[in-house]
Amino acid sequence: MERFDAKHKVKRKVFDAHNHIGFMEGFPYYGLPKPVNPTVYCDNDRAAKIRQMDALGVERAIVMSNYGIPDAAQPFGLNPVVLEACAHPDKRILGGIWFSPLAKMKEANARSLKLAGEPGVKVLKATCLLGGTWNPEDWDGETMAMWEDIIAVGEKYDHVFHIHTSPGGGSDVSNGIKFVRAYGKRVKVHIVHCGGGVSGHIKFIPEFFKLIQEEYKVYTDTSWSVGFCTRYLFEEMEKQGVGDDRVLFSSDEPWSDFWSEYYKFEGLGLSSELKDKIFWGNAEKLYGV
């Protein structure tokens, strides 16, 4: 299967602010009788990711460990792949180092956090899909102490925290909002997926603008979003008069589809100036490149 048509390229300068890299074995998700690879492909290394970017016309991307298997240890194994991909002077690829919100993974986290500040590393990435919660009110003392160490590393290197959000469980965006209120004036927090689903979008979007007005360092993207999300997001942006510098384009490849994500913005009735901010300028400013 040809993934991308080299004749069909983006119409403007693009910085893909959140996607994944690295090989991952198939898995019998949801009790299936045998392992499957639902993403069909993955870009296993820098060379493969650059080929994909060139085919699309994407100039710069942030990559982080591919994940999805219900094994909290799996994504840590791809941190070296991320490091190799982003340690290049052209800065076409920047990296996100994987860590876990689980106290039982604190030793793996300590090893990962030693990679903060390495060439090309700009992000600290975690999810609660594999356990844990974003809500500091639910952390025990050990978890709180671990998080204080993680936040201190983020502060030291000015790394952006990418936190996965969804409309339920530990990743519920309501918990993500509590995380931003606890730490979002100390570190920059990118709420991935704009809340991640119908109820997530409805909960998050009004709070997003409120957080900005209250001077929290919060950002978002609309990868994985449901149809109405971008329309609602930009309608509220116009009403509130803030946020045009806080929304970034993300493809979330290979777990989403680049062109579907691209046309959520390109196909919307936004000014060319705002599109340029979303596709490039906001990420360029946030990541200092």
Protein backbone atom coordinates (compact mmCIF):
# COMPACT_ATOMS: atom_id res chain seq x y z
CA MET A 1 0.00 0.00 0.00
CA GLU A 2 1.33 3.44 -0.97
CA ARG A 3 0.89 5.59 2.12
CA PHE A 4 1.48 9.00 0.57
CA ASP A 5 1.33 10.31 -2.98
CA ALA A 6 4.45 12.37 -3.69
CA LYS A 7 2.43 14.45 -6.18
CA HIS A 8 0.00 15.53 -3.45
CA LYS A 9 1.76 17.84 -1.01
CA VAL A 10 0.76 20.40 1.58
CA LYS A 11 -0.16 23.89 0.40
CA ARG A 12 1.80 25.76 3.05
CA LYS A 13 4.73 25.46 5.47
CA VAL A 14 3.95 22.71 8.01
CA PHE A 15 5.36 21.83 11.43
CA ASP A 16 3.76 18.58 12.61
CA ALA A 17 3.83 19.04 16.39
CA HIS A 18 2.90 15.52 17.54
CA ASN A 19 3.46 12.17 15.87
CA HIS A 20 5.10 8.83 16.61
CA ILE A 21 8.16 6.82 15.61
CA GLY A 22 9.43 3.30 16.19
CA PHE A 23 8.51 -0.32 15.50
CA MET A 24 5.86 -1.94 17.68
CA GLU A 25 4.81 -5.59 17.60
CA GLY A 26 1.24 -6.53 16.83
CA PHE A 27 -1.01 -7.30 19.77
CA PRO A 28 -4.33 -9.19 20.29
CA TYR A 29 -6.18 -6.02 21.26
CA TYR A 30 -9.62 -6.32 22.90
CA GLY A 31 -9.42 -10.11 23.14
CA LEU A 32 -8.84 -10.77 19.45
CA PRO A 33 -7.71 -14.36 18.72
CA LYS A 34 -4.39 -13.25 17.22
CA PRO A 35 -2.16 -10.14 17.11
CA VAL A 36 -3.02 -7.31 14.71
CA ASN A 37 -1.23 -4.16 13.56
CA PRO A 38 -4.10 -1.68 13.25
CA THR A 39 -1.91 1.25 12.15
CA VAL A 40 -0.76 -0.81 9.10
CA TYR A 41 2.69 0.83 9.11
CA CYS A 42 5.12 2.63 11.36
CA ASP A 43 8.18 4.76 10.62
CA ASN A 44 10.90 2.82 12.39
CA ASP A 45 13.72 5.36 12.27
CA ARG A 46 14.79 8.84 11.21
CA ALA A 47 15.32 7.89 7.57
CA ALA A 48 11.80 6.47 7.25
CA LYS A 49 10.26 9.50 8.97
CA ILE A 50 12.15 11.92 6.70
CA ARG A 51 10.92 10.02 3.62
CA GLN A 52 7.36 10.40 4.87
CA MET A 53 7.84 14.11 5.58
CA ASP A 54 9.36 14.70 2.14
CA ALA A 55 6.48 12.89 0.43
CA LEU A 56 4.00 15.13 2.24
CA GLY A 57 6.01 18.34 2.02
CA VAL A 58 6.28 18.64 5.82
CA GLU A 59 9.31 20.69 6.87
CA ARG A 60 9.54 19.87 10.58
CA ALA A 61 8.04 17.38 13.04
CA ILE A 62 8.15 16.38 16.69
CA VAL A 63 8.30 12.61 17.19
CA MET A 64 7.82 10.46 20.28
CA SER A 65 7.63 6.77 21.07
CA ASN A 66 5.02 4.72 19.25
CA TYR A 67 2.75 3.05 21.80
CA GLY A 68 -0.59 1.34 22.24
CA ILE A 69 0.24 -2.11 23.58
CA PRO A 70 -1.01 -2.40 27.19
CA ASP A 71 2.48 -2.58 28.62
CA ALA A 72 3.73 0.46 30.54
CA ALA A 73 7.36 -0.48 29.82
CA GLN A 74 7.06 -0.76 26.00
CA PRO A 75 7.37 2.93 24.97
CA PHE A 76 10.51 3.44 27.07
CA GLY A 77 12.34 1.10 24.69
CA LEU A 78 11.84 3.56 21.83
CA ASN A 79 13.42 6.58 23.55
CA PRO A 80 16.79 5.74 21.87
CA VAL A 81 15.03 5.78 18.47
CA VAL A 82 13.60 9.23 19.28
CA LEU A 83 17.01 10.44 20.43
CA GLU A 84 18.70 9.25 17.23
CA ALA A 85 15.98 10.83 15.09
CA CYS A 86 16.26 14.29 16.64
CA ALA A 87 20.05 14.48 17.17
CA HIS A 88 20.71 16.11 13.80
CA PRO A 89 21.80 19.69 13.09
CA ASP A 90 19.12 20.34 10.47
CA LYS A 91 16.44 20.23 13.24
CA ARG A 92 13.84 18.85 10.85
CA ILE A 93 12.94 16.33 13.55
CA LEU A 94 12.64 17.26 17.22
CA GLY A 95 11.97 14.73 19.95
CA GLY A 96 9.71 13.89 22.86
CA ILE A 97 11.12 11.71 25.63
CA TRP A 98 8.73 9.13 27.04
CA PHE A 99 7.98 8.87 30.75
CA SER A 100 5.18 7.32 32.82
CA PRO A 101 2.76 8.84 35.37
CA LEU A 102 3.00 5.61 37.40
CA ALA A 103 5.14 5.51 40.53
CA LYS A 104 5.99 1.86 39.82
CA MET A 105 7.87 3.13 36.73
CA LYS A 106 9.92 5.71 38.67
CA GLU A 107 13.25 3.98 37.96
CA ALA A 108 12.53 3.90 34.22
CA ASN A 109 11.46 7.54 34.49
CA ALA A 110 14.73 8.48 36.17
CA ARG A 111 16.65 6.95 33.27
CA SER A 112 14.44 8.73 30.73
CA LEU A 113 14.74 12.11 32.39
CA LYS A 114 18.52 11.93 32.02
CA LEU A 115 17.83 12.39 28.29
CA ALA A 116 16.15 15.76 28.86
CA GLY A 117 18.16 18.58 27.38
CA GLU A 118 19.86 16.33 24.82
CA PRO A 119 20.19 17.77 21.29
CA GLY A 120 16.80 18.10 19.63
CA VAL A 121 14.78 17.07 22.70
CA LYS A 122 11.95 19.53 23.31
CA VAL A 123 9.12 17.48 24.84
CA LEU A 124 8.29 15.18 27.76
CA LYS A 125 5.46 12.84 26.76
CA ALA A 126 3.19 10.60 28.84
CA THR A 127 -0.23 8.95 28.76
CA CYS A 128 -2.63 7.57 31.35
CA LEU A 129 -4.00 4.99 28.91
CA LEU A 130 -1.49 2.58 30.46
CA GLY A 131 -2.45 3.52 34.03
CA GLY A 132 -2.37 6.51 36.35
CA THR A 133 -4.23 9.82 36.35
CA TRP A 134 -3.50 13.46 35.54
CA ASN A 135 -5.36 14.57 38.66
CA PRO A 136 -2.84 15.50 41.38
CA GLU A 137 -5.60 15.21 44.00
CA ASP A 138 -5.58 11.43 43.44
CA TRP A 139 -1.81 10.94 43.73
CA ASP A 140 -0.29 9.26 46.75
CA GLY A 141 2.84 10.65 48.40
CA GLU A 142 5.23 8.56 46.29
CA THR A 143 3.56 9.61 43.05
CA MET A 144 3.51 13.26 44.08
CA ALA A 145 7.24 13.18 44.90
CA MET A 146 8.01 11.56 41.54
CA TRP A 147 5.97 14.20 39.71
CA GLU A 148 7.73 17.03 41.52
CA ASP A 149 11.02 15.66 40.20
CA ILE A 150 9.58 15.38 36.67
CA ILE A 151 8.19 18.92 36.74
CA ALA A 152 11.54 20.25 37.97
CA VAL A 153 13.26 18.66 34.96
CA GLY A 154 10.68 20.20 32.63
CA GLU A 155 11.30 23.60 34.20
CA LYS A 156 15.07 23.26 33.97
CA TYR A 157 15.08 22.53 30.23
CA ASP A 158 11.91 24.43 29.28
CA HIS A 159 10.46 21.23 27.83
CA VAL A 160 6.78 21.10 26.87
CA PHE A 161 4.66 18.41 28.52
CA HIS A 162 2.51 16.50 26.00
CA ILE A 163 -0.33 14.76 27.85
CA HIS A 164 -2.78 12.46 26.11
CA THR A 165 -6.43 13.23 26.84
CA SER A 166 -9.67 11.33 26.32
CA PRO A 167 -13.25 11.56 27.61
CA GLY A 168 -12.83 8.96 30.38
CA GLY A 169 -10.49 7.17 32.78
CA GLY A 170 -7.25 8.58 34.12
CA SER A 171 -6.73 10.46 30.84
CA ASP A 172 -10.08 12.25 31.15
CA VAL A 173 -9.52 15.86 30.17
CA SER A 174 -11.16 16.99 33.43
CA ASN A 175 -8.11 15.49 35.14
CA GLY A 176 -5.88 17.15 32.54
CA ILE A 177 -7.38 20.53 33.41
CA LYS A 178 -6.55 19.91 37.08
CA PHE A 179 -2.98 19.07 36.04
CA VAL A 180 -2.72 22.37 34.16
CA ARG A 181 -4.05 24.27 37.16
CA ALA A 182 -1.47 22.57 39.38
CA TYR A 183 1.57 22.98 37.12
CA GLY A 184 0.67 25.09 34.10
CA LYS A 185 2.29 28.26 35.38
CA ARG A 186 5.56 26.43 36.02
CA VAL A 187 5.72 24.45 32.76
CA LYS A 188 4.10 24.49 29.33
CA VAL A 189 1.40 21.84 28.86
CA HIS A 190 0.13 20.62 25.48
CA ILE A 191 -3.30 19.00 25.88
CA VAL A 192 -3.16 16.42 23.11
CA HIS A 193 -6.40 15.73 21.14
CA CYS A 194 -8.27 18.78 22.51
CA GLY A 195 -9.94 16.57 25.11
CA GLY A 196 -10.20 13.52 22.86
CA GLY A 197 -13.82 12.93 21.91
CA VAL A 198 -17.30 14.46 22.05
CA SER A 199 -17.60 14.99 25.81
CA GLY A 200 -13.88 15.78 26.00
CA HIS A 201 -14.16 18.62 23.49
CA ILE A 202 -17.28 20.00 25.16
CA LYS A 203 -15.57 19.96 28.57
CA PHE A 204 -12.22 21.27 27.44
CA ILE A 205 -12.77 24.04 24.89
CA PRO A 206 -14.44 26.59 27.25
CA GLU A 207 -11.84 25.76 29.92
CA PHE A 208 -9.01 26.14 27.39
CA PHE A 209 -9.79 29.82 26.84
CA LYS A 210 -10.37 30.39 30.52
CA LEU A 211 -6.95 28.89 31.31
CA ILE A 212 -5.31 31.15 28.72
CA GLN A 213 -7.01 34.21 30.18
CA GLU A 214 -5.76 33.15 33.62
CA GLU A 215 -2.21 33.05 32.21
CA TYR A 216 -1.65 29.31 32.24
CA LYS A 217 0.84 28.07 29.64
CA VAL A 218 -1.55 25.71 27.88
CA TYR A 219 -1.62 24.56 24.24
CA THR A 220 -3.66 22.07 22.23
CA ASP A 221 -4.14 20.35 18.87
CA THR A 222 -7.16 18.74 17.20
CA SER A 223 -5.76 15.36 16.17
CA TRP A 224 -8.32 12.59 16.72
CA SER A 225 -11.02 15.24 17.17
CA VAL A 226 -14.65 14.66 16.31
CA GLY A 227 -16.26 16.65 13.47
CA PHE A 228 -17.61 19.70 15.30
CA CYS A 229 -14.44 20.27 17.35
CA THR A 230 -12.51 22.64 15.09
CA ARG A 231 -15.63 24.66 14.27
CA TYR A 232 -16.43 25.02 17.97
CA LEU A 233 -12.80 25.78 18.87
CA PHE A 234 -12.46 28.65 16.41
CA GLU A 235 -15.93 30.03 17.08
CA GLU A 236 -14.97 30.30 20.76
CA MET A 237 -11.57 31.75 19.83
CA GLU A 238 -13.25 34.54 17.92
CA LYS A 239 -15.66 35.24 20.79
CA GLN A 240 -12.96 35.19 23.48
CA GLY A 241 -10.33 37.07 21.47
CA VAL A 242 -7.48 34.81 22.68
CA GLY A 243 -5.88 31.50 21.76
CA ASP A 244 -4.75 32.06 18.18
CA ASP A 245 -1.17 31.42 19.37
CA ARG A 246 -2.04 28.27 21.36
CA VAL A 247 -3.36 25.83 18.72
CA LEU A 248 -0.88 23.65 16.81
CA PHE A 249 -1.25 21.25 13.90
CA SER A 250 -0.59 17.60 14.76
CA SER A 251 -1.05 14.54 12.58
CA ASP A 252 -0.63 11.86 15.30
CA GLU A 253 0.60 9.49 12.58
CA PRO A 254 0.48 6.51 12.43
CA TRP A 255 -2.52 6.45 14.79
CA SER A 256 -4.44 9.05 12.82
CA ASP A 257 -4.38 10.09 9.16
CA PHE A 258 -2.27 13.02 8.00
CA TRP A 259 -4.61 14.35 5.31
CA SER A 260 -7.71 14.05 7.48
CA GLU A 261 -5.95 16.10 10.15
CA TYR A 262 -4.53 18.60 7.65
CA TYR A 263 -7.89 19.45 6.09
CA LYS A 264 -9.52 20.01 9.48
CA PHE A 265 -7.69 23.34 9.27
CA GLU A 266 -6.99 23.83 5.56
CA GLY A 267 -10.63 23.16 4.70
CA LEU A 268 -12.02 25.47 7.37
CA GLY A 269 -12.94 29.09 6.63
CA LEU A 270 -9.98 30.57 8.49
CA SER A 271 -7.79 33.43 7.34
CA SER A 272 -4.53 32.51 5.64
CA GLU A 273 -2.71 34.33 8.45
CA LEU A 274 -4.32 32.14 11.13
CA LYS A 275 -3.67 28.98 9.12
CA ASP A 276 -0.01 29.93 8.86
CA LYS A 277 0.13 30.29 12.64
CA ILE A 278 -1.49 26.91 13.23
CA PHE A 279 0.54 25.00 10.66
CA TRP A 280 3.90 26.60 11.45
CA GLY A 281 4.25 29.82 13.40
CA ASN A 282 2.86 28.73 16.76
CA ALA A 283 5.06 25.64 16.93
CA GLU A 284 8.10 27.58 15.70
CA LYS A 285 7.62 30.11 18.49
CA LEU A 286 6.87 27.50 21.17
CA TYR A 287 9.90 25.36 20.36
CA GLY A 288 12.33 28.16 19.60
CA VAL A 289 13.32 26.98 16.14
